[in-house]
Amino acid sequence: MLTITDYYSILFPRYHPSRVLTLVYQPFAVGTIATLAYNEERINTRFRNLFGYILFFVATLLVLVIDLATSGKGGIGTFIGICAVSGAFGIADAHVQGGMVGDLSYMHPELLQSFLAGGAASGALTSALRLVTKAAFENSKDGLRKGALLFFAITTFFELLCVLLYAFVFPKVPIVKYYRSKAASEGAKTVSADLAAAGIQTSSDNEDVKKQERKGKKQLLMENIDYAIDLFLIYSLTLSIFPGFLSEDTGKHSLGDWYALVLIAMYNACDLIGRYIPLVKCIKMESRKLLTTTIVSRILLIPAFYFTAKYGDQGWMMLLTSFLGLSNGYLTVCVLTSAPKGYKGPEQNALGNILVSFLLAGIFAGVTLDWLWLIGKGW
């Protein structure tokens, strides 16, 4: 949705789509993840994730249907429809992101790193796809819309692929079966449907004893409050700049309407690179104090972006955007792979959900703060 900002800014020029769509999305995401995290131990993880992936597919398909049904015309009715779909994406994201991070938190840290890198890879791939579809139809009549429609169609196919992979392939991967069986033996109730899908029956022996030994959500949060605040700060800072500021407030440059797309593509590519850097053990940041200090120091990026937009050229803006993405990806993986160490499977699942709650709350804070850039611009 963010990568299609060049199309929506022309379709809805008066409604600030790059800002409004992220702002509509967030209350649904934060409200849903808070509810799911609170009830995490009673929720069937398989059905939760499948519901999220199916909702992603249906919502993406609806974006395409709305555009075709209105023949690519703007207006308040169409914009409200797109906003409703954005809210559905928020609900889907809370189901999937919390569910998958919780699921992978009790497995090997590299599996969680791969999932987080996959999220960034989807951003980089989406940006590349958007640049290709825009270029392919640039000189044809109604080319921007044709490129957008092709983009929507391809993303809908990807979402369907996610549903099929999670439903039929992921539960049967040997390492996934191993860790889920281990979590079940430690008292996790959330994995029973996943194990059943892989043809494994779980025993309920000692379940009550195991459950009594498990730490509560409040205790887990208190023990990891620094990690939770770290994630909140990472994403509130990032989303206060990306994508709204980059899309609307960086002035006019030689790249024209390609400029915002190139900045978003550079952010996504560097976010992906940043998420692979922690695989090199010697440069993975694991000190809790050092992580928090580094994350707090990123606030200096706000004046840096402000003065670069006002006085700098596009080269400096691209460099800053690249650093924003690189630091966002690197610090996210460092926090989320360090936090679950030393806990039992059910506790790691619960902690994963709690941390994603703070991550999404940070995004909500960021997209709200992003509106402050508009002060003095007629708002």
Protein backbone atom coordinates (compact mmCIF):
# COMPACT_ATOMS: atom_id res chain seq x y z
CA MET A 1 0.00 0.00 0.00
CA LEU A 2 2.86 2.41 0.79
CA THR A 3 4.75 1.57 -2.38
CA ILE A 4 1.76 2.57 -4.51
CA THR A 5 1.85 6.08 -3.04
CA ASP A 6 2.64 7.72 -6.40
CA TYR A 7 -0.66 6.38 -7.81
CA TYR A 8 -2.78 7.22 -4.76
CA SER A 9 -1.33 10.74 -4.43
CA ILE A 10 -2.68 11.48 -7.94
CA LEU A 11 -5.97 9.63 -7.35
CA PHE A 12 -6.57 11.31 -3.97
CA PRO A 13 -4.52 14.55 -4.07
CA ARG A 14 -6.38 16.24 -1.18
CA TYR A 15 -6.42 13.36 1.31
CA HIS A 16 -2.70 12.75 2.11
CA PRO A 17 -2.99 8.99 1.33
CA SER A 18 0.58 8.06 2.40
CA ARG A 19 -0.20 9.40 5.87
CA VAL A 20 -3.90 8.60 6.24
CA LEU A 21 -3.64 4.94 5.14
CA THR A 22 -0.93 4.18 7.71
CA LEU A 23 -2.87 6.08 10.39
CA VAL A 24 -6.11 4.14 9.66
CA TYR A 25 -4.21 0.84 9.67
CA GLN A 26 -2.62 1.30 13.08
CA PRO A 27 -5.54 1.40 15.58
CA PHE A 28 -6.80 -1.89 14.13
CA ALA A 29 -3.32 -3.43 14.33
CA VAL A 30 -2.59 -2.23 17.86
CA GLY A 31 -6.06 -3.07 19.24
CA THR A 32 -5.99 -6.55 17.72
CA ILE A 33 -2.44 -7.42 18.85
CA ALA A 34 -3.17 -6.19 22.39
CA THR A 35 -6.20 -8.51 22.59
CA LEU A 36 -4.33 -11.44 21.04
CA ALA A 37 -1.24 -10.97 23.24
CA TYR A 38 -3.38 -10.86 26.38
CA ASN A 39 -5.15 -14.12 25.44
CA GLU A 40 -2.12 -15.68 23.72
CA GLU A 41 -2.00 -18.92 25.76
CA ARG A 42 -5.63 -19.77 24.89
CA ILE A 43 -5.42 -19.04 21.15
CA ASN A 44 -4.85 -21.70 18.51
CA THR A 45 -1.76 -20.40 16.68
CA ARG A 46 -2.51 -22.27 13.45
CA PHE A 47 -6.02 -20.84 13.07
CA ARG A 48 -4.78 -17.39 14.11
CA ASN A 49 -2.07 -17.30 11.42
CA LEU A 50 -4.30 -18.84 8.76
CA PHE A 51 -7.00 -16.25 9.47
CA GLY A 52 -4.40 -13.49 9.13
CA TYR A 53 -2.98 -14.77 5.84
CA ILE A 54 -6.45 -15.35 4.35
CA LEU A 55 -7.52 -11.82 5.41
CA PHE A 56 -4.36 -10.43 3.77
CA PHE A 57 -5.28 -12.23 0.53
CA VAL A 58 -8.93 -11.09 0.56
CA ALA A 59 -8.00 -7.48 1.40
CA THR A 60 -5.35 -7.32 -1.35
CA LEU A 61 -7.88 -8.71 -3.81
CA LEU A 62 -10.37 -6.04 -2.67
CA VAL A 63 -7.89 -3.25 -3.48
CA LEU A 64 -7.83 -4.55 -7.05
CA VAL A 65 -11.64 -4.99 -7.18
CA ILE A 66 -12.30 -1.45 -5.85
CA ASP A 67 -10.03 0.07 -8.49
CA LEU A 68 -11.64 -1.95 -11.31
CA ALA A 69 -15.19 -1.27 -10.05
CA THR A 70 -14.61 2.51 -9.94
CA SER A 71 -12.65 2.54 -13.24
CA GLY A 72 -9.71 4.18 -11.46
CA LYS A 73 -11.67 7.25 -10.36
CA GLY A 74 -10.90 9.02 -7.08
CA GLY A 75 -13.38 10.63 -4.73
CA ILE A 76 -14.25 10.33 -1.07
CA GLY A 77 -16.27 7.07 -1.48
CA THR A 78 -13.39 5.24 -3.13
CA PHE A 79 -10.94 6.61 -0.55
CA ILE A 80 -13.13 5.39 2.34
CA GLY A 81 -13.19 1.93 0.70
CA ILE A 82 -9.39 1.92 0.45
CA CYS A 83 -9.17 3.06 4.10
CA ALA A 84 -11.45 0.17 5.15
CA VAL A 85 -9.12 -2.26 3.36
CA SER A 86 -6.16 -0.63 5.14
CA GLY A 87 -7.92 -1.34 8.48
CA ALA A 88 -8.33 -4.99 7.42
CA PHE A 89 -4.59 -5.11 6.70
CA GLY A 90 -4.00 -3.90 10.28
CA ILE A 91 -6.11 -6.75 11.72
CA ALA A 92 -4.37 -9.29 9.44
CA ASP A 93 -0.90 -7.99 10.35
CA ALA A 94 -1.60 -8.26 14.10
CA HIS A 95 -2.70 -11.88 13.65
CA VAL A 96 0.23 -12.91 11.47
CA GLN A 97 3.13 -10.86 12.82
CA GLY A 98 2.42 -11.60 16.49
CA GLY A 99 1.54 -15.22 15.72
CA MET A 100 4.63 -15.91 13.62
CA VAL A 101 7.09 -14.07 15.89
CA GLY A 102 5.61 -15.89 18.90
CA ASP A 103 5.80 -19.20 17.03
CA LEU A 104 9.41 -18.68 15.91
CA SER A 105 10.60 -17.27 19.27
CA TYR A 106 10.81 -20.79 20.74
CA MET A 107 12.68 -22.12 17.70
CA HIS A 108 16.25 -21.40 16.59
CA PRO A 109 17.09 -17.63 16.54
CA GLU A 110 18.13 -17.90 12.88
CA LEU A 111 14.58 -18.94 11.94
CA LEU A 112 13.23 -15.75 13.55
CA GLN A 113 15.95 -13.72 11.82
CA SER A 114 14.92 -15.30 8.49
CA PHE A 115 11.27 -14.38 9.05
CA LEU A 116 12.18 -10.78 9.93
CA ALA A 117 14.51 -10.61 6.91
CA GLY A 118 11.67 -12.01 4.79
CA GLY A 119 9.48 -9.08 5.89
CA ALA A 120 12.17 -6.66 4.71
CA ALA A 121 12.76 -8.69 1.53
CA SER A 122 9.07 -8.34 0.72
CA GLY A 123 9.50 -4.56 1.03
CA ALA A 124 12.52 -4.56 -1.27
CA LEU A 125 10.80 -6.88 -3.77
CA THR A 126 7.62 -4.79 -3.65
CA SER A 127 9.60 -1.61 -4.33
CA ALA A 128 11.45 -3.25 -7.24
CA LEU A 129 8.16 -4.59 -8.60
CA ARG A 130 6.58 -1.13 -8.34
CA LEU A 131 9.51 0.50 -10.17
CA VAL A 132 9.27 -2.12 -12.96
CA THR A 133 5.48 -1.85 -13.38
CA LYS A 134 5.70 1.97 -13.37
CA ALA A 135 8.48 1.95 -15.99
CA ALA A 136 6.72 -0.66 -18.17
CA PHE A 137 3.64 1.53 -18.70
CA GLU A 138 5.17 4.98 -18.32
CA ASN A 139 4.66 6.08 -21.92
CA SER A 140 1.28 4.41 -22.56
CA LYS A 141 -2.14 5.99 -22.11
CA ASP A 142 -3.33 5.68 -18.51
CA GLY A 143 0.05 4.07 -17.83
CA LEU A 144 0.23 4.84 -14.10
CA ARG A 145 -3.06 3.00 -13.46
CA LYS A 146 -2.11 0.03 -15.66
CA GLY A 147 1.16 -0.33 -13.76
CA ALA A 148 -0.71 -0.11 -10.45
CA LEU A 149 -3.25 -2.77 -11.52
CA LEU A 150 -0.51 -5.18 -12.59
CA PHE A 151 1.22 -4.52 -9.27
CA PHE A 152 -2.01 -5.28 -7.35
CA ALA A 153 -2.56 -8.50 -9.31
CA ILE A 154 0.96 -9.79 -8.61
CA THR A 155 0.75 -8.95 -4.88
CA THR A 156 -2.62 -10.74 -4.64
CA PHE A 157 -0.95 -13.86 -6.08
CA PHE A 158 1.83 -13.58 -3.47
CA GLU A 159 -0.71 -13.39 -0.65
CA LEU A 160 -2.46 -16.54 -1.93
CA LEU A 161 0.94 -18.24 -1.98
CA CYS A 162 1.41 -17.31 1.71
CA VAL A 163 -1.89 -18.99 2.63
CA LEU A 164 -0.95 -22.21 0.80
CA LEU A 165 2.61 -22.32 2.15
CA TYR A 166 1.55 -21.81 5.76
CA ALA A 167 -1.37 -24.25 5.53
CA PHE A 168 0.34 -27.14 3.75
CA VAL A 169 4.15 -26.77 3.72
CA PHE A 170 5.36 -25.00 6.87
CA PRO A 171 3.86 -27.45 9.46
CA LYS A 172 5.63 -30.39 7.79
CA VAL A 173 9.16 -28.91 7.78
CA PRO A 174 11.21 -31.26 10.06
CA ILE A 175 12.86 -28.52 12.18
CA VAL A 176 9.45 -26.84 12.73
CA LYS A 177 7.93 -30.16 13.85
CA TYR A 178 10.85 -30.70 16.23
CA TYR A 179 10.53 -27.32 17.97
CA ARG A 180 6.74 -27.50 18.15
CA SER A 181 6.91 -30.95 19.76
CA LYS A 182 9.48 -29.56 22.23
CA ALA A 183 7.19 -26.59 23.06
CA ALA A 184 4.24 -28.97 23.57
CA SER A 185 6.34 -31.03 25.99
CA GLU A 186 6.99 -27.83 27.96
CA GLY A 187 3.26 -27.18 28.33
CA ALA A 188 2.43 -25.06 25.25
CA LYS A 189 -1.23 -25.50 24.25
CA THR A 190 -1.05 -23.20 21.23
CA VAL A 191 0.79 -25.69 18.99
CA SER A 192 -1.61 -28.68 19.13
CA ALA A 193 -3.41 -27.86 15.84
CA ASP A 194 -0.05 -27.26 14.10
CA LEU A 195 1.24 -30.63 15.28
CA ALA A 196 -2.02 -32.32 14.25
CA ALA A 197 -1.59 -30.81 10.73
CA ALA A 198 1.86 -32.43 10.64
CA GLY A 199 0.39 -35.77 11.79
CA ILE A 200 1.74 -35.62 15.38
CA GLN A 201 -0.49 -36.27 18.39
CA THR A 202 0.36 -34.47 21.66
CA SER A 203 0.14 -35.94 25.15
CA SER A 204 -1.52 -33.98 27.95
CA ASP A 205 0.63 -35.57 30.71
CA ASN A 206 1.99 -33.15 33.30
CA GLU A 207 0.28 -30.28 31.50
CA ASP A 208 -0.98 -28.70 34.73
CA VAL A 209 2.43 -28.93 36.39
CA LYS A 210 4.10 -27.37 33.39
CA LYS A 211 1.55 -24.58 33.28
CA GLN A 212 2.18 -23.72 36.96
CA GLU A 213 5.90 -23.40 36.25
CA ARG A 214 5.36 -20.87 33.47
CA LYS A 215 6.06 -17.17 34.14
CA GLY A 216 3.13 -14.79 33.74
CA LYS A 217 2.89 -12.10 31.08
CA LYS A 218 3.42 -9.30 33.62
CA GLN A 219 6.62 -10.90 34.92
CA LEU A 220 7.90 -11.48 31.37
CA LEU A 221 7.21 -7.84 30.51
CA MET A 222 8.98 -6.54 33.63
CA GLU A 223 12.04 -8.70 32.90
CA ASN A 224 12.17 -7.45 29.30
CA ILE A 225 10.82 -3.90 29.63
CA ASP A 226 14.00 -2.44 28.07
CA TYR A 227 13.58 -4.63 24.95
CA ALA A 228 9.90 -3.62 24.71
CA ILE A 229 10.73 0.11 24.95
CA ASP A 230 13.59 -0.39 22.46
CA LEU A 231 11.17 -1.75 19.84
CA PHE A 232 8.68 1.04 20.54
CA LEU A 233 11.40 3.68 20.01
CA ILE A 234 12.83 2.04 16.88
CA TYR A 235 9.50 2.05 15.07
CA SER A 236 8.12 5.35 16.38
CA LEU A 237 11.24 7.11 15.04
CA THR A 238 11.27 5.23 11.72
CA LEU A 239 7.56 5.72 11.00
CA SER A 240 7.67 9.41 11.92
CA ILE A 241 9.88 9.80 8.82
CA PHE A 242 8.93 6.86 6.57
CA PRO A 243 6.83 6.90 4.39
CA GLY A 244 4.87 10.17 4.92
CA PHE A 245 7.78 12.61 5.17
CA LEU A 246 9.70 10.89 2.36
CA SER A 247 6.61 10.89 0.12
CA GLU A 248 5.40 14.45 0.64
CA ASP A 249 7.95 16.70 2.34
CA THR A 250 11.24 16.29 0.50
CA GLY A 251 10.64 18.98 -2.13
CA LYS A 252 10.92 18.83 -5.93
CA HIS A 253 13.93 17.16 -7.51
CA SER A 254 15.23 16.06 -10.91
CA LEU A 255 13.74 12.57 -10.43
CA GLY A 256 10.20 14.04 -10.38
CA ASP A 257 7.49 11.59 -9.31
CA TRP A 258 10.10 8.80 -9.26
CA TYR A 259 11.85 10.46 -6.30
CA ALA A 260 9.55 9.17 -3.51
CA LEU A 261 9.55 5.67 -5.05
CA VAL A 262 13.37 5.63 -5.22
CA LEU A 263 13.65 6.77 -1.57
CA ILE A 264 11.18 4.09 -0.41
CA ALA A 265 13.05 1.46 -2.49
CA MET A 266 16.37 2.50 -0.93
CA TYR A 267 14.88 2.34 2.57
CA ASN A 268 13.48 -1.16 1.91
CA ALA A 269 16.73 -2.45 0.38
CA CYS A 270 18.83 -1.18 3.29
CA ASP A 271 16.29 -2.48 5.83
CA LEU A 272 16.79 -5.92 4.24
CA ILE A 273 20.61 -5.66 4.38
CA GLY A 274 20.41 -4.52 8.01
CA ARG A 275 18.43 -7.63 8.98
CA TYR A 276 21.19 -9.93 7.68
CA ILE A 277 24.09 -8.12 9.40
CA PRO A 278 23.37 -9.75 12.85
CA LEU A 279 24.11 -13.17 11.30
CA VAL A 280 27.79 -12.14 11.59
CA LYS A 281 28.26 -12.89 15.31
CA CYS A 282 31.12 -10.42 15.91
CA ILE A 283 29.00 -7.42 14.83
CA LYS A 284 25.71 -8.47 16.40
CA MET A 285 24.85 -6.09 19.25
CA GLU A 286 23.79 -8.08 22.34
CA SER A 287 24.55 -5.70 25.21
CA ARG A 288 21.20 -4.44 26.51
CA LYS A 289 22.62 -1.05 27.58
CA LEU A 290 24.42 -0.54 24.25
CA LEU A 291 21.25 -1.45 22.32
CA THR A 292 19.16 1.08 24.26
CA THR A 293 21.82 3.82 23.91
CA THR A 294 22.08 3.27 20.14
CA ILE A 295 18.30 3.25 19.70
CA VAL A 296 17.82 6.48 21.70
CA SER A 297 20.61 8.19 19.71
CA ARG A 298 18.63 7.63 16.47
CA ILE A 299 16.51 10.66 17.48
CA LEU A 300 19.27 12.74 15.86
CA LEU A 301 17.92 11.55 12.51
CA ILE A 302 14.92 13.88 12.87
CA PRO A 303 16.90 17.16 12.70
CA ALA A 304 19.16 15.52 10.09
CA PHE A 305 16.18 14.82 7.80
CA TYR A 306 14.66 18.26 8.46
CA PHE A 307 17.79 20.19 7.48
CA THR A 308 18.58 17.87 4.55
CA ALA A 309 15.07 18.40 3.13
CA LYS A 310 15.47 22.17 3.57
CA TYR A 311 19.05 22.72 2.45
CA GLY A 312 20.52 19.46 1.09
CA ASP A 313 20.28 17.82 -2.33
CA GLN A 314 18.78 14.43 -3.22
CA GLY A 315 22.09 12.59 -2.78
CA TRP A 316 22.22 13.42 0.94
CA MET A 317 18.56 12.51 1.34
CA MET A 318 19.20 9.10 -0.25
CA LEU A 319 22.16 8.53 2.08
CA LEU A 320 20.10 9.40 5.17
CA THR A 321 17.18 7.23 4.02
CA SER A 322 19.57 4.31 3.50
CA PHE A 323 20.92 4.72 7.05
CA LEU A 324 17.37 4.91 8.43
CA GLY A 325 16.54 1.55 6.78
CA LEU A 326 19.86 -0.09 7.70
CA SER A 327 19.61 0.84 11.39
CA ASN A 328 15.91 -0.10 11.55
CA GLY A 329 16.52 -3.63 10.21
CA TYR A 330 19.70 -4.27 12.20
CA LEU A 331 18.32 -3.14 15.57
CA THR A 332 14.98 -4.96 15.11
CA VAL A 333 16.72 -8.31 14.59
CA CYS A 334 19.18 -7.70 17.46
CA VAL A 335 16.32 -7.04 19.91
CA LEU A 336 13.89 -9.76 18.79
CA THR A 337 16.51 -12.54 18.60
CA SER A 338 18.17 -11.64 21.94
CA ALA A 339 15.03 -11.26 24.08
CA PRO A 340 13.62 -14.86 24.06
CA LYS A 341 16.87 -16.54 25.21
CA GLY A 342 16.71 -18.49 28.45
CA TYR A 343 12.93 -19.03 28.56
CA LYS A 344 10.73 -22.10 28.00
CA GLY A 345 8.71 -22.52 24.79
CA PRO A 346 5.36 -21.16 26.09
CA GLU A 347 7.15 -18.18 27.73
CA GLN A 348 9.04 -17.40 24.52
CA ASN A 349 5.77 -17.46 22.57
CA ALA A 350 4.15 -15.08 25.07
CA LEU A 351 7.19 -12.78 25.06
CA GLY A 352 7.22 -12.70 21.24
CA ASN A 353 3.59 -11.51 21.27
CA ILE A 354 4.31 -8.87 23.93
CA LEU A 355 7.27 -7.47 21.97
CA VAL A 356 5.27 -7.31 18.73
CA SER A 357 2.58 -5.39 20.65
CA PHE A 358 5.16 -2.74 21.54
CA LEU A 359 6.52 -2.77 17.98
CA LEU A 360 3.05 -2.06 16.55
CA ALA A 361 2.40 0.57 19.24
CA GLY A 362 5.65 2.23 18.13
CA ILE A 363 4.45 2.24 14.53
CA PHE A 364 1.16 3.83 15.66
CA ALA A 365 3.04 6.53 17.59
CA GLY A 366 5.32 7.11 14.59
CA VAL A 367 2.56 7.57 12.00
CA THR A 368 0.78 9.95 14.41
CA LEU A 369 3.95 12.01 14.99
CA ASP A 370 4.50 12.06 11.22
CA TRP A 371 1.65 14.59 10.94
CA LEU A 372 3.75 17.14 12.87
CA TRP A 373 5.81 17.67 9.70
CA LEU A 374 2.71 19.34 8.22
CA ILE A 375 2.67 22.15 10.83
CA GLY A 376 2.97 25.47 9.02
CA LYS A 377 1.94 23.95 5.67
CA GLY A 378 -1.70 24.93 5.71
CA TRP A 379 -2.72 22.43 8.44
